[in-house]
Amino acid sequence: MNTSFRFLSAVAAAITLSTPALAQTPPAPDQLPTSGQIVAGQVGVSQTGAAMDITQSTPRAAINWQSFDIGSRAQVNFVQPSNDSVMLNRVVGGNPS
């Protein structure tokens, strides 16, 4: 092993040991997005069990969410008025989704 490779390996190991893990625990199986606040356009949000339907009735809309985690048994459906519709979903909570 050459010296520069050993140095880079040692640096990588030091960074790995000193950096907190960025991996998160997976969401609960039935987890759905939380605290949606419609900030533009007209949107209806309904939830039945682990399914959420987001129905947009204007060409453009935006929703701020506290979180947007979707569990392995959950489902989120977007229904938009046309192929040209635009929906912005912004996660404003402190934890990445």
N, C-alpha and C. Protein backbone atom coordinates (compact mmCIF):
# COMPACT_ATOMS: atom_id res chain seq x y z
N MET A 1 0.86 -1.17 0.00
CA MET A 1 0.00 0.00 0.00
C MET A 1 0.90 1.23 0.00
N ASN A 2 0.62 2.19 -0.90
CA ASN A 2 1.46 3.38 -0.91
C ASN A 2 1.05 4.34 0.20
N THR A 3 1.93 5.26 0.52
CA THR A 3 1.75 6.16 1.66
C THR A 3 0.53 7.07 1.48
N SER A 4 0.32 7.61 0.29
CA SER A 4 -0.81 8.53 0.10
C SER A 4 -2.14 7.81 0.27
N PHE A 5 -2.23 6.57 -0.15
CA PHE A 5 -3.47 5.81 0.01
C PHE A 5 -3.74 5.54 1.49
N ARG A 6 -2.68 5.20 2.26
CA ARG A 6 -2.86 4.97 3.70
C ARG A 6 -3.32 6.24 4.38
N PHE A 7 -2.79 7.41 3.97
CA PHE A 7 -3.18 8.68 4.57
C PHE A 7 -4.66 8.96 4.27
N LEU A 8 -5.07 8.78 3.02
CA LEU A 8 -6.46 9.03 2.67
C LEU A 8 -7.40 8.07 3.40
N SER A 9 -6.99 6.83 3.56
CA SER A 9 -7.80 5.86 4.30
C SER A 9 -7.95 6.29 5.74
N ALA A 10 -6.87 6.77 6.35
CA ALA A 10 -6.91 7.22 7.74
C ALA A 10 -7.81 8.44 7.88
N VAL A 11 -7.73 9.37 6.91
CA VAL A 11 -8.59 10.56 6.95
C VAL A 11 -10.05 10.16 6.81
N ALA A 12 -10.34 9.27 5.88
CA ALA A 12 -11.72 8.81 5.69
C ALA A 12 -12.24 8.14 6.96
N ALA A 13 -11.42 7.33 7.60
CA ALA A 13 -11.83 6.66 8.84
C ALA A 13 -12.09 7.68 9.94
N ALA A 14 -11.25 8.70 10.04
CA ALA A 14 -11.42 9.73 11.06
C ALA A 14 -12.71 10.51 10.82
N ILE A 15 -13.00 10.82 9.57
CA ILE A 15 -14.23 11.55 9.26
C ILE A 15 -15.44 10.68 9.58
N THR A 16 -15.38 9.43 9.24
CA THR A 16 -16.48 8.51 9.51
C THR A 16 -16.74 8.39 11.00
N LEU A 17 -15.69 8.31 11.80
CA LEU A 17 -15.85 8.16 13.25
C LEU A 17 -16.32 9.44 13.92
N SER A 18 -15.97 10.60 13.36
CA SER A 18 -16.31 11.86 14.02
C SER A 18 -17.60 12.48 13.50
N THR A 19 -18.16 11.98 12.40
CA THR A 19 -19.38 12.53 11.84
C THR A 19 -20.57 11.71 12.28
N PRO A 20 -21.61 12.36 12.83
CA PRO A 20 -22.78 11.59 13.23
C PRO A 20 -23.43 10.94 12.01
N ALA A 21 -24.01 9.82 12.22
CA ALA A 21 -24.65 9.10 11.12
C ALA A 21 -25.81 9.92 10.58
N LEU A 22 -25.90 10.01 9.26
CA LEU A 22 -26.97 10.75 8.63
C LEU A 22 -28.19 9.88 8.38
N ALA A 23 -28.03 8.59 8.53
CA ALA A 23 -29.15 7.69 8.29
C ALA A 23 -30.20 7.86 9.38
N GLN A 24 -31.43 7.81 8.97
CA GLN A 24 -32.54 7.92 9.91
C GLN A 24 -33.22 6.57 10.03
N THR A 25 -33.96 6.42 11.09
CA THR A 25 -34.76 5.21 11.20
C THR A 25 -35.91 5.34 10.20
N PRO A 26 -36.31 4.24 9.61
CA PRO A 26 -37.40 4.31 8.64
C PRO A 26 -38.71 4.72 9.32
N PRO A 27 -39.63 5.31 8.55
CA PRO A 27 -40.91 5.69 9.16
C PRO A 27 -41.72 4.46 9.54
N ALA A 28 -42.66 4.64 10.43
CA ALA A 28 -43.57 3.56 10.81
C ALA A 28 -44.30 3.07 9.55
N PRO A 29 -44.66 1.80 9.48
CA PRO A 29 -45.27 1.26 8.26
C PRO A 29 -46.49 2.03 7.76
N ASP A 30 -47.31 2.57 8.66
CA ASP A 30 -48.51 3.30 8.25
C ASP A 30 -48.34 4.81 8.25
N GLN A 31 -47.12 5.30 8.35
CA GLN A 31 -46.84 6.74 8.44
C GLN A 31 -47.24 7.46 7.16
N LEU A 32 -47.87 8.61 7.33
CA LEU A 32 -48.25 9.48 6.22
C LEU A 32 -47.70 10.88 6.47
N PRO A 33 -47.67 11.73 5.43
CA PRO A 33 -47.25 13.12 5.64
C PRO A 33 -48.10 13.77 6.74
N THR A 34 -47.50 14.73 7.45
CA THR A 34 -48.21 15.36 8.57
C THR A 34 -48.30 16.88 8.41
N SER A 35 -49.36 17.43 8.97
CA SER A 35 -49.57 18.86 9.11
C SER A 35 -49.44 19.62 7.80
N GLY A 36 -50.23 19.22 6.82
CA GLY A 36 -50.22 19.92 5.54
C GLY A 36 -50.99 21.22 5.62
N GLN A 37 -50.36 22.31 5.20
CA GLN A 37 -51.00 23.62 5.17
C GLN A 37 -50.98 24.11 3.73
N ILE A 38 -52.16 24.28 3.15
CA ILE A 38 -52.27 24.74 1.77
C ILE A 38 -51.93 26.23 1.74
N VAL A 39 -50.93 26.58 0.93
CA VAL A 39 -50.47 27.98 0.88
C VAL A 39 -50.74 28.62 -0.48
N ALA A 40 -51.14 27.84 -1.47
CA ALA A 40 -51.50 28.39 -2.78
C ALA A 40 -52.42 27.41 -3.50
N GLY A 41 -53.37 27.93 -4.24
CA GLY A 41 -54.27 27.09 -5.01
C GLY A 41 -55.36 26.47 -4.16
N GLN A 42 -56.12 25.59 -4.79
CA GLN A 42 -57.19 24.88 -4.10
C GLN A 42 -56.87 23.39 -4.10
N VAL A 43 -56.81 22.83 -2.89
CA VAL A 43 -56.42 21.43 -2.72
C VAL A 43 -57.28 20.83 -1.62
N GLY A 44 -57.71 19.60 -1.82
CA GLY A 44 -58.40 18.85 -0.78
C GLY A 44 -57.51 17.69 -0.35
N VAL A 45 -57.39 17.49 0.95
CA VAL A 45 -56.58 16.39 1.49
C VAL A 45 -57.50 15.53 2.34
N SER A 46 -57.58 14.24 1.99
CA SER A 46 -58.39 13.32 2.79
C SER A 46 -57.56 12.10 3.13
N GLN A 47 -57.90 11.49 4.25
CA GLN A 47 -57.14 10.34 4.73
C GLN A 47 -58.11 9.27 5.21
N THR A 48 -57.87 8.05 4.77
CA THR A 48 -58.61 6.88 5.24
C THR A 48 -57.58 5.83 5.60
N GLY A 49 -57.46 5.53 6.88
CA GLY A 49 -56.45 4.57 7.32
C GLY A 49 -55.06 5.03 6.91
N ALA A 50 -54.34 4.19 6.19
CA ALA A 50 -52.97 4.50 5.78
C ALA A 50 -52.91 4.99 4.34
N ALA A 51 -54.02 5.56 3.86
CA ALA A 51 -54.06 6.12 2.50
C ALA A 51 -54.43 7.59 2.56
N MET A 52 -53.73 8.41 1.81
CA MET A 52 -54.00 9.83 1.74
C MET A 52 -54.22 10.21 0.28
N ASP A 53 -55.31 10.94 0.02
CA ASP A 53 -55.59 11.46 -1.32
C ASP A 53 -55.44 12.97 -1.28
N ILE A 54 -54.67 13.50 -2.20
CA ILE A 54 -54.45 14.93 -2.33
C ILE A 54 -55.01 15.32 -3.69
N THR A 55 -56.15 16.03 -3.67
CA THR A 55 -56.86 16.37 -4.89
C THR A 55 -56.72 17.87 -5.16
N GLN A 56 -56.08 18.18 -6.25
CA GLN A 56 -55.80 19.55 -6.64
C GLN A 56 -56.86 19.98 -7.65
N SER A 57 -57.47 21.16 -7.46
CA SER A 57 -58.51 21.62 -8.39
C SER A 57 -58.12 22.88 -9.14
N THR A 58 -56.94 23.41 -8.91
CA THR A 58 -56.43 24.55 -9.67
C THR A 58 -55.16 24.12 -10.39
N PRO A 59 -54.79 24.82 -11.46
CA PRO A 59 -53.60 24.40 -12.22
C PRO A 59 -52.30 24.41 -11.43
N ARG A 60 -52.22 25.29 -10.43
CA ARG A 60 -51.01 25.39 -9.60
C ARG A 60 -51.42 25.43 -8.14
N ALA A 61 -50.63 24.73 -7.33
CA ALA A 61 -50.93 24.69 -5.90
C ALA A 61 -49.64 24.42 -5.13
N ALA A 62 -49.68 24.74 -3.84
CA ALA A 62 -48.52 24.50 -2.97
C ALA A 62 -49.00 24.13 -1.58
N ILE A 63 -48.30 23.18 -0.97
CA ILE A 63 -48.60 22.76 0.40
C ILE A 63 -47.30 22.72 1.19
N ASN A 64 -47.32 23.29 2.39
CA ASN A 64 -46.21 23.16 3.34
C ASN A 64 -46.56 22.01 4.28
N TRP A 65 -45.62 21.07 4.43
CA TRP A 65 -45.81 19.90 5.29
C TRP A 65 -44.81 19.96 6.44
N GLN A 66 -45.22 19.50 7.61
CA GLN A 66 -44.28 19.37 8.73
C GLN A 66 -43.32 18.23 8.44
N SER A 67 -43.85 17.12 7.89
CA SER A 67 -43.02 16.00 7.45
C SER A 67 -43.69 15.37 6.25
N PHE A 68 -42.91 14.65 5.47
CA PHE A 68 -43.49 13.97 4.29
C PHE A 68 -42.94 12.55 4.22
N ASP A 69 -43.00 11.84 5.34
CA ASP A 69 -42.58 10.44 5.38
C ASP A 69 -43.75 9.57 4.96
N ILE A 70 -43.45 8.54 4.16
CA ILE A 70 -44.48 7.59 3.73
C ILE A 70 -43.99 6.19 4.10
N GLY A 71 -44.73 5.52 4.97
CA GLY A 71 -44.36 4.19 5.44
C GLY A 71 -44.54 3.13 4.37
N SER A 72 -44.01 1.95 4.63
CA SER A 72 -44.02 0.86 3.66
C SER A 72 -45.43 0.34 3.35
N ARG A 73 -46.38 0.52 4.26
CA ARG A 73 -47.76 0.08 4.02
C ARG A 73 -48.69 1.25 3.73
N ALA A 74 -48.15 2.45 3.64
CA ALA A 74 -48.96 3.65 3.40
C ALA A 74 -48.94 4.01 1.92
N GLN A 75 -49.88 4.88 1.55
CA GLN A 75 -50.00 5.27 0.16
C GLN A 75 -50.46 6.71 0.08
N VAL A 76 -49.84 7.49 -0.80
CA VAL A 76 -50.24 8.87 -1.04
C VAL A 76 -50.54 9.00 -2.53
N ASN A 77 -51.75 9.48 -2.85
CA ASN A 77 -52.20 9.63 -4.24
C ASN A 77 -52.41 11.10 -4.55
N PHE A 78 -51.83 11.58 -5.64
CA PHE A 78 -52.05 12.94 -6.11
C PHE A 78 -52.99 12.88 -7.31
N VAL A 79 -54.05 13.68 -7.25
CA VAL A 79 -54.99 13.79 -8.36
C VAL A 79 -54.95 15.24 -8.82
N GLN A 80 -54.55 15.44 -10.07
CA GLN A 80 -54.38 16.79 -10.60
C GLN A 80 -55.33 17.01 -11.77
N PRO A 81 -55.71 18.28 -12.02
CA PRO A 81 -56.70 18.55 -13.07
C PRO A 81 -56.21 18.29 -14.49
N SER A 82 -54.91 18.35 -14.74
CA SER A 82 -54.41 18.09 -16.10
C SER A 82 -52.94 17.70 -16.05
N ASN A 83 -52.42 17.31 -17.20
CA ASN A 83 -51.00 16.96 -17.30
C ASN A 83 -50.09 18.17 -17.11
N ASP A 84 -50.62 19.37 -17.27
CA ASP A 84 -49.83 20.59 -17.13
C ASP A 84 -49.87 21.15 -15.70
N SER A 85 -50.59 20.50 -14.81
CA SER A 85 -50.71 20.98 -13.43
C SER A 85 -49.38 20.88 -12.70
N VAL A 86 -49.19 21.78 -11.73
CA VAL A 86 -47.98 21.81 -10.92
C VAL A 86 -48.37 21.84 -9.45
N MET A 87 -47.74 20.97 -8.66
CA MET A 87 -47.97 20.93 -7.21
C MET A 87 -46.62 21.00 -6.52
N LEU A 88 -46.43 22.01 -5.69
CA LEU A 88 -45.21 22.14 -4.89
C LEU A 88 -45.52 21.61 -3.50
N ASN A 89 -44.73 20.63 -3.05
CA ASN A 89 -44.84 20.09 -1.70
C ASN A 89 -43.54 20.42 -0.98
N ARG A 90 -43.63 21.31 -0.02
CA ARG A 90 -42.44 21.79 0.69
C ARG A 90 -42.45 21.26 2.12
N VAL A 91 -41.36 20.63 2.52
CA VAL A 91 -41.23 20.13 3.89
C VAL A 91 -40.56 21.21 4.72
N VAL A 92 -41.29 21.72 5.72
CA VAL A 92 -40.78 22.83 6.52
C VAL A 92 -40.37 22.42 7.93
N GLY A 93 -40.58 21.16 8.28
CA GLY A 93 -40.19 20.67 9.60
C GLY A 93 -38.68 20.54 9.71
N GLY A 94 -38.22 20.33 10.92
CA GLY A 94 -36.79 20.28 11.19
C GLY A 94 -36.10 19.00 10.78
N ASN A 95 -36.83 17.93 10.54
CA ASN A 95 -36.21 16.65 10.18
C ASN A 95 -36.41 16.38 8.70
N PRO A 96 -35.34 15.97 8.02
CA PRO A 96 -35.52 15.63 6.60
C PRO A 96 -36.42 14.41 6.46
N SER A 97 -37.16 14.38 5.40
CA SER A 97 -38.09 13.26 5.17
C SER A 97 -37.44 12.24 4.28
